C-alpha atoms as a PDB file:
ATOM      1  CA  MET A   1      54.294   2.840 117.015  1.00  0.00           C
ATOM      2  CA  THR A   2      51.778   1.789 114.806  1.00  0.00           C
ATOM      3  CA  ARG A   3      49.143  -1.357 115.990  1.00  0.00           C
ATOM      4  CA  TYR A   4      48.258  -3.548 112.882  1.00  0.00           C
ATOM      5  CA  LEU A   5      45.548  -6.068 112.827  1.00  0.00           C
ATOM      6  CA  ILE A   6      46.444  -8.664 110.649  1.00  0.00           C
ATOM      7  CA  GLN A   7      43.747 -11.756 109.225  1.00  0.00           C
ATOM      8  CA  GLY A   8      45.437 -14.392 107.475  1.00  0.00           C
ATOM      9  CA  THR A   9      43.913 -17.301 105.457  1.00  0.00           C
ATOM     10  CA  TYR A  10      45.422 -20.228 105.348  1.00  0.00           C
ATOM     11  CA  THR A  11      45.785 -22.014 101.323  1.00  0.00           C
ATOM     12  CA  PRO A  12      45.499 -26.307 101.606  1.00  0.00           C
ATOM     13  CA  GLU A  13      49.085 -25.525 100.994  1.00  0.00           C
ATOM     14  CA  GLY A  14      49.166 -23.306 104.451  1.00  0.00           C
ATOM     15  CA  ALA A  15      47.522 -25.922 106.233  1.00  0.00           C
ATOM     16  CA  LYS A  16      49.936 -28.585 105.396  1.00  0.00           C
ATOM     17  CA  GLY A  17      52.388 -26.553 107.085  1.00  0.00           C
ATOM     18  CA  ILE A  18      50.826 -26.124 110.319  1.00  0.00           C
ATOM     19  CA  LEU A  19      49.935 -29.692 110.688  1.00  0.00           C
ATOM     20  CA  ALA A  20      53.362 -30.695 110.406  1.00  0.00           C
ATOM     21  CA  GLN A  21      54.309 -28.075 111.975  1.00  0.00           C
ATOM     22  CA  GLY A  22      52.405 -27.122 114.261  1.00  0.00           C
ATOM     23  CA  GLY A  23      50.575 -23.768 116.084  1.00  0.00           C
ATOM     24  CA  THR A  24      54.421 -22.981 118.909  1.00  0.00           C
ATOM     25  CA  SER A  25      56.876 -23.527 115.702  1.00  0.00           C
ATOM     26  CA  ARG A  26      54.326 -20.752 113.716  1.00  0.00           C
ATOM     27  CA  TRP A  27      53.903 -18.553 116.557  1.00  0.00           C
ATOM     28  CA  LYS A  28      57.933 -18.336 117.181  1.00  0.00           C
ATOM     29  CA  GLN A  29      58.986 -17.822 113.169  1.00  0.00           C
ATOM     30  CA  ILE A  30      56.087 -14.905 113.481  1.00  0.00           C
ATOM     31  CA  ASP A  31      57.186 -13.645 116.191  1.00  0.00           C
ATOM     32  CA  LYS A  32      60.863 -13.484 115.002  1.00  0.00           C
ATOM     33  CA  MET A  33      59.862 -12.433 112.119  1.00  0.00           C
ATOM     34  CA  ILE A  34      58.240  -8.654 113.200  1.00  0.00           C
ATOM     35  CA  ALA A  35      60.529  -8.380 116.217  1.00  0.00           C
ATOM     36  CA  ASP A  36      63.376  -8.556 112.894  1.00  0.00           C
ATOM     37  CA  LEU A  37      60.806  -6.156 111.487  1.00  0.00           C
ATOM     38  CA  GLY A  38      61.616  -3.582 114.153  1.00  0.00           C
ATOM     39  CA  GLY A  39      57.992  -4.630 115.625  1.00  0.00           C
ATOM     40  CA  LYS A  40      56.524  -6.660 118.988  1.00  0.00           C
ATOM     41  CA  LEU A  41      53.567  -8.937 118.480  1.00  0.00           C
ATOM     42  CA  GLU A  42      51.104  -8.423 120.598  1.00  0.00           C
ATOM     43  CA  SER A  43      48.478 -11.603 119.890  1.00  0.00           C
ATOM     44  CA  LEU A  44      48.451 -14.693 117.769  1.00  0.00           C
ATOM     45  CA  TYR A  45      45.089 -16.296 118.220  1.00  0.00           C
ATOM     46  CA  TRP A  46      43.800 -19.361 115.643  1.00  0.00           C
ATOM     47  CA  ALA A  47      40.278 -19.399 114.726  1.00  0.00           C
ATOM     48  CA  PHE A  48      37.847 -21.213 113.063  1.00  0.00           C
ATOM     49  CA  GLY A  49      35.901 -20.158 110.066  1.00  0.00           C
ATOM     50  CA  ASP A  50      36.583 -18.377 106.935  1.00  0.00           C
ATOM     51  CA  VAL A  51      39.766 -16.149 109.262  1.00  0.00           C
ATOM     52  CA  ASP A  52      42.616 -19.282 110.465  1.00  0.00           C
ATOM     53  CA  LEU A  53      44.401 -15.843 112.230  1.00  0.00           C
ATOM     54  CA  PHE A  54      44.463 -13.593 113.888  1.00  0.00           C
ATOM     55  CA  LEU A  55      47.554 -11.092 115.340  1.00  0.00           C
ATOM     56  CA  VAL A  56      47.635  -7.639 116.836  1.00  0.00           C
ATOM     57  CA  ALA A  57      51.573  -6.188 116.344  1.00  0.00           C
ATOM     58  CA  GLU A  58      53.399  -3.335 116.839  1.00  0.00           C
ATOM     59  CA  LEU A  59      55.346  -2.065 113.489  1.00  0.00           C
ATOM     60  CA  PRO A  60      57.873   0.628 113.606  1.00  0.00           C
ATOM     61  CA  ASP A  61      55.555   2.198 109.757  1.00  0.00           C
ATOM     62  CA  ALA A  62      52.894   1.406 106.899  1.00  0.00           C
ATOM     63  CA  ALA A  63      55.804   0.789 104.894  1.00  0.00           C
ATOM     64  CA  THR A  64      56.836  -1.236 107.462  1.00  0.00           C
ATOM     65  CA  ALA A  65      52.978  -3.111 107.638  1.00  0.00           C
ATOM     66  CA  ALA A  66      53.264  -3.465 102.757  1.00  0.00           C
ATOM     67  CA  ALA A  67      56.592  -4.217 103.484  1.00  0.00           C
ATOM     68  CA  MET A  68      55.458  -7.952 105.511  1.00  0.00           C
ATOM     69  CA  GLY A  69      52.230  -8.514 103.547  1.00  0.00           C
ATOM     70  CA  LEU A  70      53.444  -8.740 100.393  1.00  0.00           C
ATOM     71  CA  THR A  71      56.623 -10.673 101.637  1.00  0.00           C
ATOM     72  CA  VAL A  72      53.706 -13.300 103.650  1.00  0.00           C
ATOM     73  CA  GLY A  73      51.516 -13.069 100.690  1.00  0.00           C
ATOM     74  CA  GLY A  74      54.056 -13.656  97.728  1.00  0.00           C
ATOM     75  CA  ALA A  75      54.796 -16.630  99.586  1.00  0.00           C
ATOM     76  CA  GLY A  76      51.549 -18.181  98.503  1.00  0.00           C
ATOM     77  CA  ALA A  77      51.055 -19.837 102.396  1.00  0.00           C
ATOM     78  CA  VAL A  78      48.448 -17.696 103.253  1.00  0.00           C
ATOM     79  CA  ARG A  79      46.587 -14.824 102.280  1.00  0.00           C
ATOM     80  CA  THR A  80      46.242 -11.600 104.932  1.00  0.00           C
ATOM     81  CA  THR A  81      44.439  -8.153 105.211  1.00  0.00           C
ATOM     82  CA  THR A  82      45.788  -5.789 107.113  1.00  0.00           C
ATOM     83  CA  THR A  83      44.063  -2.931 109.349  1.00  0.00           C
ATOM     84  CA  VAL A  84      45.010  -0.438 111.314  1.00  0.00           C
ATOM     85  CA  LEU A  85      44.689   0.394 114.322  1.00  0.00           C
ATOM     86  CA  LEU A  86      43.843   3.291 116.215  1.00  0.00           C
ATOM     87  CA  THR A  87      44.030   4.057 119.879  1.00  0.00           C
ATOM     88  CA  ALA A  88      41.549   6.559 122.037  1.00  0.00           C
ATOM     89  CA  GLU A  89      43.441   9.632 121.340  1.00  0.00           C
ATOM     90  CA  GLU A  90      44.172   8.519 118.407  1.00  0.00           C
ATOM     91  CA  MET A  91      40.150   8.446 117.604  1.00  0.00           C
ATOM     92  CA  ASP A  92      40.818  12.191 119.595  1.00  0.00           C
ATOM     93  CA  GLN A  93      42.863  14.112 117.352  1.00  0.00           C
ATOM     94  CA  ALA A  94      41.131  13.284 114.013  1.00  0.00           C
ATOM     95  CA  ARG A  95      38.069  14.235 116.467  1.00  0.00           C
ATOM     96  CA  ASP A  96      39.641  18.019 116.857  1.00  0.00           C
ATOM     97  CA  LYS A  97      41.113  17.598 112.746  1.00  0.00           C
ATOM     98  CA  LYS A  98      38.615  20.288 110.633  1.00  0.00           C
ATOM     99  CA  VAL A  99      37.999  18.616 107.539  1.00  0.00           C
ATOM    100  CA  GLY A 100      36.221  21.051 105.035  1.00  0.00           C
ATOM    101  CA  TYR A 101      33.704  18.879 103.268  1.00  0.00           C
ATOM    102  CA  GLN A 102      30.433  19.562 101.530  1.00  0.00           C
ATOM    103  CA  VAL A 103      27.475  16.499 101.131  1.00  0.00           C
ATOM    104  CA  PRO A 104      26.753  16.227  98.104  1.00  0.00           C
ATOM    105  CA  LYS A 105      23.367  17.905  96.902  1.00  0.00           C
ATOM    106  CA  ALA A 106      20.993  16.276  94.190  1.00  0.00           C
ATOM    107  CA  SER A 107      19.955  19.214  91.464  1.00  0.00           C
END
């Protein structure tokens, strides 16, 4: 499975929900949602600043990650960005792939 870093920023309605339900309740709901999709929640942290929430999850595939992002984002309580995370081994595989690229040259 692939790991994803998901960053979330709450809308005013989402912040009201956290105030009403608390962090533990949201953690349980997010953990269940990811498990029901065949994935695993690895970590979940709230933060100060521009981003309110950081989570790392293993998900079966990119389509699952996209479905989760569309559903959560469409609900309107949080805006998310999703980043694919690579292991050291995957970086080695990337290093070993031959890519036919030529830098553009000015005339």
